[in-house]
Amino acid sequence: MKTLLVIKSSLFNGSGQSSQLVDRFARQWRVNHPDGRVLLRDLAADPVPHLSAEAVQGFGLSPDQRSSAQQASAAISDSLIAELRQADAVAIGLPMYNFTVPSTFKAWMDHVARAGVTFEYTESGPRGLLESRPVYVLAARGGQYQGTEADTQTGLVRSFLGFIGLRDVQFVYAEGLAMGEEAAARSLGVAGEQIDRLAA
């Protein structure tokens, strides 16, 4: 049975454009995988806490050495990593807030990056420890950023996912969503067509 992990990061839950894009992906994926399972991680409904120094220190300790707070942080991290490991494919709904990823998504990244668990350093550099699988990033943006220096998301997200071993990453961009109804409708239409093809 195939498993799709859906990650939503819009502050506006289901009404956010990136959430609607990732919902479309999941619907089409279900059509093509009727026996499949969808796991949902909604970072607005259930936000991941930002890392603390205590949590980071706890990651390097054995479970019996961790404080109760460190145990709670490690449990969150373990759960997020387990979701990734279960997934045959990952779909991420990603809005752009102030030229970068939502802080809740950054918190997710920080809990997923675990030395000795999802990556390790070797003599030849870092090596991701997760088995690669397709990751689809559905990016919703009010302006036009793709291919410009202002697009700080694409490089960051691609580099991070590659760092932990996920190198098969495809982006779908819905841009200009705040630049008038016609521009938004056109961009969403093109993105929707791409999503339907990728979710096959």
C-alpha atoms as a PDB file:
ATOM      1  CA  MET A   1       0.000   0.000   0.000  1.00  0.00           C
ATOM      2  CA  LYS A   2       1.411   3.370  -1.059  1.00  0.00           C
ATOM      3  CA  THR A   3       1.571   6.238   1.437  1.00  0.00           C
ATOM      4  CA  LEU A   4       1.530   9.957   0.692  1.00  0.00           C
ATOM      5  CA  LEU A   5       2.653  12.407   3.362  1.00  0.00           C
ATOM      6  CA  VAL A   6       0.950  15.799   3.003  1.00  0.00           C
ATOM      7  CA  ILE A   7       2.527  18.739   4.825  1.00  0.00           C
ATOM      8  CA  LYS A   8       0.578  21.997   5.081  1.00  0.00           C
ATOM      9  CA  SER A   9       2.309  25.140   6.307  1.00  0.00           C
ATOM     10  CA  SER A  10      -0.171  27.926   5.549  1.00  0.00           C
ATOM     11  CA  LEU A  11      -1.246  30.014   8.533  1.00  0.00           C
ATOM     12  CA  PHE A  12      -4.723  30.037   7.012  1.00  0.00           C
ATOM     13  CA  ASN A  13      -5.262  26.280   7.236  1.00  0.00           C
ATOM     14  CA  GLY A  14      -7.452  24.962   4.434  1.00  0.00           C
ATOM     15  CA  SER A  15      -8.262  28.385   2.997  1.00  0.00           C
ATOM     16  CA  GLY A  16      -4.640  29.149   2.127  1.00  0.00           C
ATOM     17  CA  GLN A  17      -3.719  28.867  -1.544  1.00  0.00           C
ATOM     18  CA  SER A  18      -0.831  26.479  -0.852  1.00  0.00           C
ATOM     19  CA  SER A  19      -3.182  24.278   1.187  1.00  0.00           C
ATOM     20  CA  GLN A  20      -5.652  24.198  -1.695  1.00  0.00           C
ATOM     21  CA  LEU A  21      -2.860  23.210  -4.076  1.00  0.00           C
ATOM     22  CA  VAL A  22      -1.691  20.384  -1.854  1.00  0.00           C
ATOM     23  CA  ASP A  23      -5.306  19.273  -1.332  1.00  0.00           C
ATOM     24  CA  ARG A  24      -5.669  19.035  -5.106  1.00  0.00           C
ATOM     25  CA  PHE A  25      -2.512  16.957  -5.285  1.00  0.00           C
ATOM     26  CA  ALA A  26      -3.830  14.604  -2.581  1.00  0.00           C
ATOM     27  CA  ARG A  27      -7.214  14.217  -4.318  1.00  0.00           C
ATOM     28  CA  GLN A  28      -5.576  13.335  -7.630  1.00  0.00           C
ATOM     29  CA  TRP A  29      -3.131  11.020  -5.883  1.00  0.00           C
ATOM     30  CA  ARG A  30      -6.040   9.168  -4.257  1.00  0.00           C
ATOM     31  CA  VAL A  31      -7.669   8.720  -7.680  1.00  0.00           C
ATOM     32  CA  ASN A  32      -4.488   7.146  -8.976  1.00  0.00           C
ATOM     33  CA  HIS A  33      -3.818   5.161  -5.777  1.00  0.00           C
ATOM     34  CA  PRO A  34      -7.286   4.091  -4.554  1.00  0.00           C
ATOM     35  CA  ASP A  35      -5.769   1.711  -2.017  1.00  0.00           C
ATOM     36  CA  GLY A  36      -3.241   4.270  -0.799  1.00  0.00           C
ATOM     37  CA  ARG A  37      -3.013   6.045   2.529  1.00  0.00           C
ATOM     38  CA  VAL A  38      -2.613   9.788   3.117  1.00  0.00           C
ATOM     39  CA  LEU A  39      -0.867  11.094   6.232  1.00  0.00           C
ATOM     40  CA  LEU A  40      -1.543  14.742   7.049  1.00  0.00           C
ATOM     41  CA  ARG A  41       0.793  17.025   8.965  1.00  0.00           C
ATOM     42  CA  ASP A  42      -0.860  20.439   9.333  1.00  0.00           C
ATOM     43  CA  LEU A  43       1.662  22.827  10.861  1.00  0.00           C
ATOM     44  CA  ALA A  44      -0.959  25.508  11.539  1.00  0.00           C
ATOM     45  CA  ALA A  45      -3.426  23.228  13.299  1.00  0.00           C
ATOM     46  CA  ASP A  46      -0.654  21.398  15.170  1.00  0.00           C
ATOM     47  CA  PRO A  47       2.451  23.613  15.138  1.00  0.00           C
ATOM     48  CA  VAL A  48       5.878  22.197  15.835  1.00  0.00           C
ATOM     49  CA  PRO A  49       7.592  24.181  18.602  1.00  0.00           C
ATOM     50  CA  HIS A  50      10.735  26.086  17.775  1.00  0.00           C
ATOM     51  CA  LEU A  51      13.929  24.461  18.951  1.00  0.00           C
ATOM     52  CA  SER A  52      15.481  25.351  22.274  1.00  0.00           C
ATOM     53  CA  ALA A  53      19.053  24.806  23.403  1.00  0.00           C
ATOM     54  CA  GLU A  54      17.776  22.175  25.851  1.00  0.00           C
ATOM     55  CA  ALA A  55      16.035  20.273  23.057  1.00  0.00           C
ATOM     56  CA  VAL A  56      19.134  20.285  20.833  1.00  0.00           C
ATOM     57  CA  GLN A  57      21.290  19.052  23.688  1.00  0.00           C
ATOM     58  CA  GLY A  58      18.760  16.312  24.393  1.00  0.00           C
ATOM     59  CA  PHE A  59      18.951  14.987  20.842  1.00  0.00           C
ATOM     60  CA  GLY A  60      22.543  13.954  21.551  1.00  0.00           C
ATOM     61  CA  LEU A  61      21.702  12.098  24.752  1.00  0.00           C
ATOM     62  CA  SER A  62      20.448   8.572  25.249  1.00  0.00           C
ATOM     63  CA  PRO A  63      16.722   8.432  26.138  1.00  0.00           C
ATOM     64  CA  ASP A  64      17.384   7.617  29.802  1.00  0.00           C
ATOM     65  CA  GLN A  65      19.594  10.707  30.156  1.00  0.00           C
ATOM     66  CA  ARG A  66      17.026  13.187  28.812  1.00  0.00           C
ATOM     67  CA  SER A  67      14.954  15.493  30.979  1.00  0.00           C
ATOM     68  CA  SER A  68      11.175  15.333  30.621  1.00  0.00           C
ATOM     69  CA  ALA A  69      11.277  18.400  28.333  1.00  0.00           C
ATOM     70  CA  GLN A  70      14.014  16.820  26.239  1.00  0.00           C
ATOM     71  CA  GLN A  71      12.027  13.595  25.995  1.00  0.00           C
ATOM     72  CA  ALA A  72       9.010  15.561  24.731  1.00  0.00           C
ATOM     73  CA  SER A  73      11.120  17.346  22.086  1.00  0.00           C
ATOM     74  CA  ALA A  74      12.722  14.092  20.959  1.00  0.00           C
ATOM     75  CA  ALA A  75       9.295  12.457  20.712  1.00  0.00           C
ATOM     76  CA  ILE A  76       8.101  15.215  18.368  1.00  0.00           C
ATOM     77  CA  SER A  77      11.227  14.871  16.252  1.00  0.00           C
ATOM     78  CA  ASP A  78      10.932  11.068  16.165  1.00  0.00           C
ATOM     79  CA  SER A  79       7.304  11.330  15.054  1.00  0.00           C
ATOM     80  CA  LEU A  80       8.079  13.736  12.199  1.00  0.00           C
ATOM     81  CA  ILE A  81      10.955  11.580  10.982  1.00  0.00           C
ATOM     82  CA  ALA A  82       8.816   8.448  11.200  1.00  0.00           C
ATOM     83  CA  GLU A  83       6.215  10.109   8.959  1.00  0.00           C
ATOM     84  CA  LEU A  84       8.869  10.782   6.347  1.00  0.00           C
ATOM     85  CA  ARG A  85      10.131   7.217   6.515  1.00  0.00           C
ATOM     86  CA  GLN A  86       6.625   5.812   6.065  1.00  0.00           C
ATOM     87  CA  ALA A  87       5.930   7.921   2.994  1.00  0.00           C
ATOM     88  CA  ASP A  88       6.428   6.739  -0.568  1.00  0.00           C
ATOM     89  CA  ALA A  89       5.927  10.350  -1.685  1.00  0.00           C
ATOM     90  CA  VAL A  90       5.692  13.736   0.039  1.00  0.00           C
ATOM     91  CA  ALA A  91       3.627  16.769  -0.986  1.00  0.00           C
ATOM     92  CA  ILE A  92       4.407  20.085   0.710  1.00  0.00           C
ATOM     93  CA  GLY A  93       2.134  23.114   0.526  1.00  0.00           C
ATOM     94  CA  LEU A  94       4.455  26.093   0.884  1.00  0.00           C
ATOM     95  CA  PRO A  95       3.411  29.748   0.977  1.00  0.00           C
ATOM     96  CA  MET A  96       5.986  32.540   0.949  1.00  0.00           C
ATOM     97  CA  TYR A  97       5.949  34.794   4.003  1.00  0.00           C
ATOM     98  CA  ASN A  98       8.267  37.793   3.988  1.00  0.00           C
ATOM     99  CA  PHE A  99      10.551  36.266   1.350  1.00  0.00           C
ATOM    100  CA  THR A 100      11.048  32.938   3.108  1.00  0.00           C
ATOM    101  CA  VAL A 101       9.325  29.809   4.407  1.00  0.00           C
ATOM    102  CA  PRO A 102       6.782  29.995   7.250  1.00  0.00           C
ATOM    103  CA  SER A 103       8.429  29.797  10.659  1.00  0.00           C
ATOM    104  CA  THR A 104       6.370  26.691  11.420  1.00  0.00           C
ATOM    105  CA  PHE A 105       7.922  24.940   8.417  1.00  0.00           C
ATOM    106  CA  LYS A 106      11.392  26.013   9.557  1.00  0.00           C
ATOM    107  CA  ALA A 107      10.607  24.479  12.953  1.00  0.00           C
ATOM    108  CA  TRP A 108       9.624  21.259  11.153  1.00  0.00           C
ATOM    109  CA  MET A 109      12.954  21.325   9.303  1.00  0.00           C
ATOM    110  CA  ASP A 110      14.856  21.849  12.544  1.00  0.00           C
ATOM    111  CA  HIS A 111      13.200  18.832  14.188  1.00  0.00           C
ATOM    112  CA  VAL A 112      13.733  16.622  11.140  1.00  0.00           C
ATOM    113  CA  ALA A 113      17.465  17.393  10.810  1.00  0.00           C
ATOM    114  CA  ARG A 114      18.994  15.015  13.365  1.00  0.00           C
ATOM    115  CA  ALA A 115      22.680  14.105  13.355  1.00  0.00           C
ATOM    116  CA  GLY A 116      23.072  10.348  13.211  1.00  0.00           C
ATOM    117  CA  VAL A 117      19.396   9.896  12.396  1.00  0.00           C
ATOM    118  CA  THR A 118      18.641  11.757   9.164  1.00  0.00           C
ATOM    119  CA  PHE A 119      22.171  12.890   8.268  1.00  0.00           C
ATOM    120  CA  GLU A 120      25.782  12.330   9.189  1.00  0.00           C
ATOM    121  CA  TYR A 121      29.096  14.006   8.480  1.00  0.00           C
ATOM    122  CA  THR A 122      31.760  11.970   6.719  1.00  0.00           C
ATOM    123  CA  GLU A 123      35.291  12.687   5.506  1.00  0.00           C
ATOM    124  CA  SER A 124      33.810  13.625   2.131  1.00  0.00           C
ATOM    125  CA  GLY A 125      31.092  15.843   3.598  1.00  0.00           C
ATOM    126  CA  PRO A 126      27.504  15.434   4.845  1.00  0.00           C
ATOM    127  CA  ARG A 127      25.468  12.387   3.831  1.00  0.00           C
ATOM    128  CA  GLY A 128      21.688  12.099   4.046  1.00  0.00           C
ATOM    129  CA  LEU A 129      20.402   9.008   5.814  1.00  0.00           C
ATOM    130  CA  LEU A 130      16.820   8.971   4.532  1.00  0.00           C
ATOM    131  CA  GLU A 131      16.033   6.855   1.502  1.00  0.00           C
ATOM    132  CA  SER A 132      15.106   9.151  -1.355  1.00  0.00           C
ATOM    133  CA  ARG A 133      11.501   9.363  -2.535  1.00  0.00           C
ATOM    134  CA  PRO A 134       9.617  11.918  -4.643  1.00  0.00           C
ATOM    135  CA  VAL A 135       8.909  15.232  -2.936  1.00  0.00           C
ATOM    136  CA  TYR A 136       6.554  17.736  -4.548  1.00  0.00           C
ATOM    137  CA  VAL A 137       6.703  21.323  -3.298  1.00  0.00           C
ATOM    138  CA  LEU A 138       3.602  23.314  -4.197  1.00  0.00           C
ATOM    139  CA  ALA A 139       4.634  26.931  -3.775  1.00  0.00           C
ATOM    140  CA  ALA A 140       2.020  29.707  -3.596  1.00  0.00           C
ATOM    141  CA  ARG A 141       3.225  33.310  -3.846  1.00  0.00           C
ATOM    142  CA  GLY A 142       1.610  36.702  -4.105  1.00  0.00           C
ATOM    143  CA  GLY A 143       4.294  38.103  -6.412  1.00  0.00           C
ATOM    144  CA  GLN A 144       6.633  36.837  -9.125  1.00  0.00           C
ATOM    145  CA  TYR A 145       9.813  35.393  -7.614  1.00  0.00           C
ATOM    146  CA  GLN A 146      10.756  32.260  -9.526  1.00  0.00           C
ATOM    147  CA  GLY A 147      14.225  32.542 -11.042  1.00  0.00           C
ATOM    148  CA  THR A 148      15.062  35.795  -9.240  1.00  0.00           C
ATOM    149  CA  GLU A 149      17.319  36.587  -6.290  1.00  0.00           C
ATOM    150  CA  ALA A 150      14.191  37.148  -4.196  1.00  0.00           C
ATOM    151  CA  ASP A 151      13.305  33.456  -4.449  1.00  0.00           C
ATOM    152  CA  THR A 152      14.987  32.393  -1.225  1.00  0.00           C
ATOM    153  CA  GLN A 153      12.705  29.370  -0.822  1.00  0.00           C
ATOM    154  CA  THR A 154      13.639  27.099  -3.701  1.00  0.00           C
ATOM    155  CA  GLY A 155      17.341  26.812  -2.939  1.00  0.00           C
ATOM    156  CA  LEU A 156      16.765  26.515   0.809  1.00  0.00           C
ATOM    157  CA  VAL A 157      14.157  23.777   0.585  1.00  0.00           C
ATOM    158  CA  ARG A 158      15.982  21.828  -2.129  1.00  0.00           C
ATOM    159  CA  SER A 159      19.278  22.010  -0.202  1.00  0.00           C
ATOM    160  CA  PHE A 160      17.665  20.976   3.061  1.00  0.00           C
ATOM    161  CA  LEU A 161      15.822  18.008   1.594  1.00  0.00           C
ATOM    162  CA  GLY A 162      18.955  16.876  -0.233  1.00  0.00           C
ATOM    163  CA  PHE A 163      20.925  17.204   3.000  1.00  0.00           C
ATOM    164  CA  ILE A 164      18.766  14.530   4.648  1.00  0.00           C
ATOM    165  CA  GLY A 165      18.731  12.318   1.544  1.00  0.00           C
ATOM    166  CA  LEU A 166      15.628  13.471  -0.336  1.00  0.00           C
ATOM    167  CA  ARG A 167      17.010  14.504  -3.723  1.00  0.00           C
ATOM    168  CA  ASP A 168      14.033  13.831  -5.986  1.00  0.00           C
ATOM    169  CA  VAL A 169      12.349  17.221  -5.519  1.00  0.00           C
ATOM    170  CA  GLN A 170       9.982  18.930  -7.947  1.00  0.00           C
ATOM    171  CA  PHE A 171       8.511  22.409  -7.524  1.00  0.00           C
ATOM    172  CA  VAL A 172       5.173  23.662  -8.814  1.00  0.00           C
ATOM    173  CA  TYR A 173       4.817  27.447  -8.631  1.00  0.00           C
ATOM    174  CA  ALA A 174       1.573  29.405  -8.423  1.00  0.00           C
ATOM    175  CA  GLU A 175       2.781  33.007  -8.513  1.00  0.00           C
ATOM    176  CA  GLY A 176       1.260  36.441  -8.939  1.00  0.00           C
ATOM    177  CA  LEU A 177      -1.697  35.474  -6.760  1.00  0.00           C
ATOM    178  CA  ALA A 178      -1.932  39.021  -5.368  1.00  0.00           C
ATOM    179  CA  MET A 179      -1.559  40.681  -8.774  1.00  0.00           C
ATOM    180  CA  GLY A 180      -5.179  40.656  -9.850  1.00  0.00           C
ATOM    181  CA  GLU A 181      -7.874  38.039 -10.357  1.00  0.00           C
ATOM    182  CA  GLU A 182      -6.945  37.294 -13.966  1.00  0.00           C
ATOM    183  CA  ALA A 183      -3.263  36.717 -13.209  1.00  0.00           C
ATOM    184  CA  ALA A 184      -4.127  34.581 -10.186  1.00  0.00           C
ATOM    185  CA  ALA A 185      -6.618  32.441 -12.108  1.00  0.00           C
ATOM    186  CA  ARG A 186      -4.137  31.897 -14.930  1.00  0.00           C
ATOM    187  CA  SER A 187      -1.329  30.925 -12.572  1.00  0.00           C
ATOM    188  CA  LEU A 188      -3.517  28.587 -10.526  1.00  0.00           C
ATOM    189  CA  GLY A 189      -4.781  26.954 -13.708  1.00  0.00           C
ATOM    190  CA  VAL A 190      -1.265  26.195 -14.932  1.00  0.00           C
ATOM    191  CA  ALA A 191      -0.208  24.949 -11.504  1.00  0.00           C
ATOM    192  CA  GLY A 192      -3.290  22.732 -11.304  1.00  0.00           C
ATOM    193  CA  GLU A 193      -2.463  21.081 -14.609  1.00  0.00           C
ATOM    194  CA  GLN A 194       1.071  20.390 -13.440  1.00  0.00           C
ATOM    195  CA  ILE A 195      -0.207  18.942 -10.178  1.00  0.00           C
ATOM    196  CA  ASP A 196      -2.602  16.584 -11.944  1.00  0.00           C
ATOM    197  CA  ARG A 197       0.265  15.235 -14.056  1.00  0.00           C
ATOM    198  CA  LEU A 198       2.671  14.839 -11.150  1.00  0.00           C
ATOM    199  CA  ALA A 199       0.139  13.085  -8.904  1.00  0.00           C
ATOM    200  CA  ALA A 200      -0.304  10.261 -11.419  1.00  0.00           C
END
